[in-house]
Structures are given as C-alpha cells and as structure tokens.
Amino acid sequence: MTRLAVRIPEDMREVSVEYLQKFLTSGGEKQPSITSESGFVPIPSSASLAEAENIIIDAALKRNNFNRKAAASQLGIGERTLRRKLNDK
C-alpha cells in the first residue's frame, strides 16, 4: 500500500478518482519526483504521522529553495509553526 498526500484546491468539495489519477502513472505506481509542481509527495505506507509530516515539510522546503517563509505559506501554516516543527525533528 502506498499513501498519497495531495493538496486539494479549496473550492473542491469532493475528490474524484479522475483527480487522483493524474498523480499516478499508468501502472498505478507513484511518480518519482518529490518536488514536482503538482503537489505530489510520496509517503511510505510504514511511515508514522510524524514521519509523514517531516516528509511533506522537507518537500515544501526543497520546492521553495529552503525559503522557510515561502514553504510555510505553501503548507498553510505560520512561519513560527514551521520553525517549531523543524526544531522538534
């Protein structure tokens, strides 16, 4: 089993299968790029919630060239919250 973390647009009320399929390859395997602009972040099925959060934060930081303010904005959290999460690692 593979978990998939996808940022859902605010105006979307229901997530359709068609919407999720664009994040998968034709074979049902996850895409290899963790820093794609699509918001796709692969998370291992064995990952705990804290590990999944760290993977998503790391991807946001990489996507924003390690700019914490931009990464926090993209994640929808405050810069201080991001700093606390990074310090707790």
C-alpha atoms as a PDB file:
ATOM      1  CA  MET A   1       0.000   0.000   0.000  1.00  0.00           C
ATOM      2  CA  THR A   2       1.212   3.500  -0.821  1.00  0.00           C
ATOM      3  CA  ARG A   3      -0.055   6.663   0.803  1.00  0.00           C
ATOM      4  CA  LEU A   4      -0.513   9.758  -1.257  1.00  0.00           C
ATOM      5  CA  ALA A   5      -0.528  13.282   0.136  1.00  0.00           C
ATOM      6  CA  VAL A   6      -2.161  15.693  -2.281  1.00  0.00           C
ATOM      7  CA  ARG A   7      -3.028  19.329  -1.779  1.00  0.00           C
ATOM      8  CA  ILE A   8      -6.727  19.685  -2.592  1.00  0.00           C
ATOM      9  CA  PRO A   9      -7.952  23.005  -4.034  1.00  0.00           C
ATOM     10  CA  GLU A  10     -10.086  24.959  -1.556  1.00  0.00           C
ATOM     11  CA  ASP A  11     -13.064  25.135  -3.912  1.00  0.00           C
ATOM     12  CA  MET A  12     -13.187  21.343  -4.417  1.00  0.00           C
ATOM     13  CA  ARG A  13     -15.952  19.772  -2.344  1.00  0.00           C
ATOM     14  CA  GLU A  14     -15.467  16.151  -3.394  1.00  0.00           C
ATOM     15  CA  VAL A  15     -12.309  14.380  -4.578  1.00  0.00           C
ATOM     16  CA  SER A  16     -12.925  12.294  -7.674  1.00  0.00           C
ATOM     17  CA  VAL A  17     -10.962   9.285  -8.871  1.00  0.00           C
ATOM     18  CA  GLU A  18     -10.091  11.207 -12.032  1.00  0.00           C
ATOM     19  CA  TYR A  19      -8.489  13.967  -9.969  1.00  0.00           C
ATOM     20  CA  LEU A  20      -6.313  11.487  -8.058  1.00  0.00           C
ATOM     21  CA  GLN A  21      -5.343   9.521 -11.173  1.00  0.00           C
ATOM     22  CA  LYS A  22      -3.357  12.459 -12.537  1.00  0.00           C
ATOM     23  CA  PHE A  23      -0.925  11.951  -9.641  1.00  0.00           C
ATOM     24  CA  LEU A  24      -0.299   8.323 -10.595  1.00  0.00           C
ATOM     25  CA  THR A  25       1.427   6.739 -13.580  1.00  0.00           C
ATOM     26  CA  SER A  26      -0.477   4.373 -15.876  1.00  0.00           C
ATOM     27  CA  GLY A  27       0.704   1.331 -13.905  1.00  0.00           C
ATOM     28  CA  GLY A  28      -0.684   2.708 -10.665  1.00  0.00           C
ATOM     29  CA  GLU A  29       2.811   3.387  -9.351  1.00  0.00           C
ATOM     30  CA  LYS A  30       3.720   6.640  -7.707  1.00  0.00           C
ATOM     31  CA  GLN A  31       5.559   9.315  -9.654  1.00  0.00           C
ATOM     32  CA  PRO A  32       9.264   9.525  -8.836  1.00  0.00           C
ATOM     33  CA  SER A  33       9.520  13.301  -8.409  1.00  0.00           C
ATOM     34  CA  ILE A  34       9.035  14.561  -4.862  1.00  0.00           C
ATOM     35  CA  THR A  35       9.438  18.205  -5.825  1.00  0.00           C
ATOM     36  CA  SER A  36       7.031  18.379  -8.735  1.00  0.00           C
ATOM     37  CA  GLU A  37       4.788  21.421  -9.044  1.00  0.00           C
ATOM     38  CA  SER A  38       1.724  19.151  -8.854  1.00  0.00           C
ATOM     39  CA  GLY A  39       1.999  18.931  -5.074  1.00  0.00           C
ATOM     40  CA  PHE A  40       2.600  15.156  -5.157  1.00  0.00           C
ATOM     41  CA  VAL A  41       4.580  13.812  -2.206  1.00  0.00           C
ATOM     42  CA  PRO A  42       5.057  10.018  -1.904  1.00  0.00           C
ATOM     43  CA  ILE A  43       4.777   8.729   1.665  1.00  0.00           C
ATOM     44  CA  PRO A  44       5.729   5.133   2.561  1.00  0.00           C
ATOM     45  CA  SER A  45       2.858   3.099   3.993  1.00  0.00           C
ATOM     46  CA  SER A  46       5.000   2.276   7.031  1.00  0.00           C
ATOM     47  CA  ALA A  47       5.515   5.967   7.899  1.00  0.00           C
ATOM     48  CA  SER A  48       4.050   7.311  11.124  1.00  0.00           C
ATOM     49  CA  LEU A  49       2.117  10.572  11.144  1.00  0.00           C
ATOM     50  CA  ALA A  50       5.195  12.448  12.422  1.00  0.00           C
ATOM     51  CA  GLU A  51       7.373  10.920   9.685  1.00  0.00           C
ATOM     52  CA  ALA A  52       4.786  11.807   7.023  1.00  0.00           C
ATOM     53  CA  GLU A  53       4.698  15.390   8.316  1.00  0.00           C
ATOM     54  CA  ASN A  54       8.510  15.586   8.109  1.00  0.00           C
ATOM     55  CA  ILE A  55       8.472  14.262   4.528  1.00  0.00           C
ATOM     56  CA  ILE A  56       5.904  16.870   3.497  1.00  0.00           C
ATOM     57  CA  ILE A  57       7.810  19.692   5.228  1.00  0.00           C
ATOM     58  CA  ASP A  58      11.091  18.611   3.599  1.00  0.00           C
ATOM     59  CA  ALA A  59       9.409  18.531   0.172  1.00  0.00           C
ATOM     60  CA  ALA A  60       7.958  22.021   0.683  1.00  0.00           C
ATOM     61  CA  LEU A  61      11.359  23.362   1.726  1.00  0.00           C
ATOM     62  CA  LYS A  62      13.056  21.807  -1.326  1.00  0.00           C
ATOM     63  CA  ARG A  63      10.318  23.098  -3.640  1.00  0.00           C
ATOM     64  CA  ASN A  64      10.873  26.627  -2.265  1.00  0.00           C
ATOM     65  CA  ASN A  65      14.696  26.515  -2.296  1.00  0.00           C
ATOM     66  CA  PHE A  66      14.750  26.209   1.521  1.00  0.00           C
ATOM     67  CA  ASN A  67      12.937  29.535   1.952  1.00  0.00           C
ATOM     68  CA  ARG A  68      11.079  28.921   5.217  1.00  0.00           C
ATOM     69  CA  LYS A  69       8.610  31.765   4.745  1.00  0.00           C
ATOM     70  CA  ALA A  70       7.575  30.522   1.281  1.00  0.00           C
ATOM     71  CA  ALA A  71       7.422  26.893   2.450  1.00  0.00           C
ATOM     72  CA  ALA A  72       5.239  27.812   5.443  1.00  0.00           C
ATOM     73  CA  SER A  73       2.912  29.771   3.170  1.00  0.00           C
ATOM     74  CA  GLN A  74       2.648  26.846   0.763  1.00  0.00           C
ATOM     75  CA  LEU A  75       1.875  24.473   3.648  1.00  0.00           C
ATOM     76  CA  GLY A  76      -0.753  26.835   5.017  1.00  0.00           C
ATOM     77  CA  ILE A  77       0.988  27.250   8.383  1.00  0.00           C
ATOM     78  CA  GLY A  78       2.762  30.139  10.058  1.00  0.00           C
ATOM     79  CA  GLU A  79       6.497  30.630   9.826  1.00  0.00           C
ATOM     80  CA  ARG A  80       6.865  30.198  13.603  1.00  0.00           C
ATOM     81  CA  THR A  81       4.924  26.926  13.464  1.00  0.00           C
ATOM     82  CA  LEU A  82       7.243  25.669  10.730  1.00  0.00           C
ATOM     83  CA  ARG A  83      10.274  26.716  12.781  1.00  0.00           C
ATOM     84  CA  ARG A  84       8.940  24.797  15.815  1.00  0.00           C
ATOM     85  CA  LYS A  85       8.319  21.710  13.708  1.00  0.00           C
ATOM     86  CA  LEU A  86      11.843  21.894  12.298  1.00  0.00           C
ATOM     87  CA  ASN A  87      13.319  22.271  15.786  1.00  0.00           C
ATOM     88  CA  ASP A  88      11.344  19.240  17.029  1.00  0.00           C
ATOM     89  CA  LYS A  89      12.899  16.934  14.414  1.00  0.00           C
END
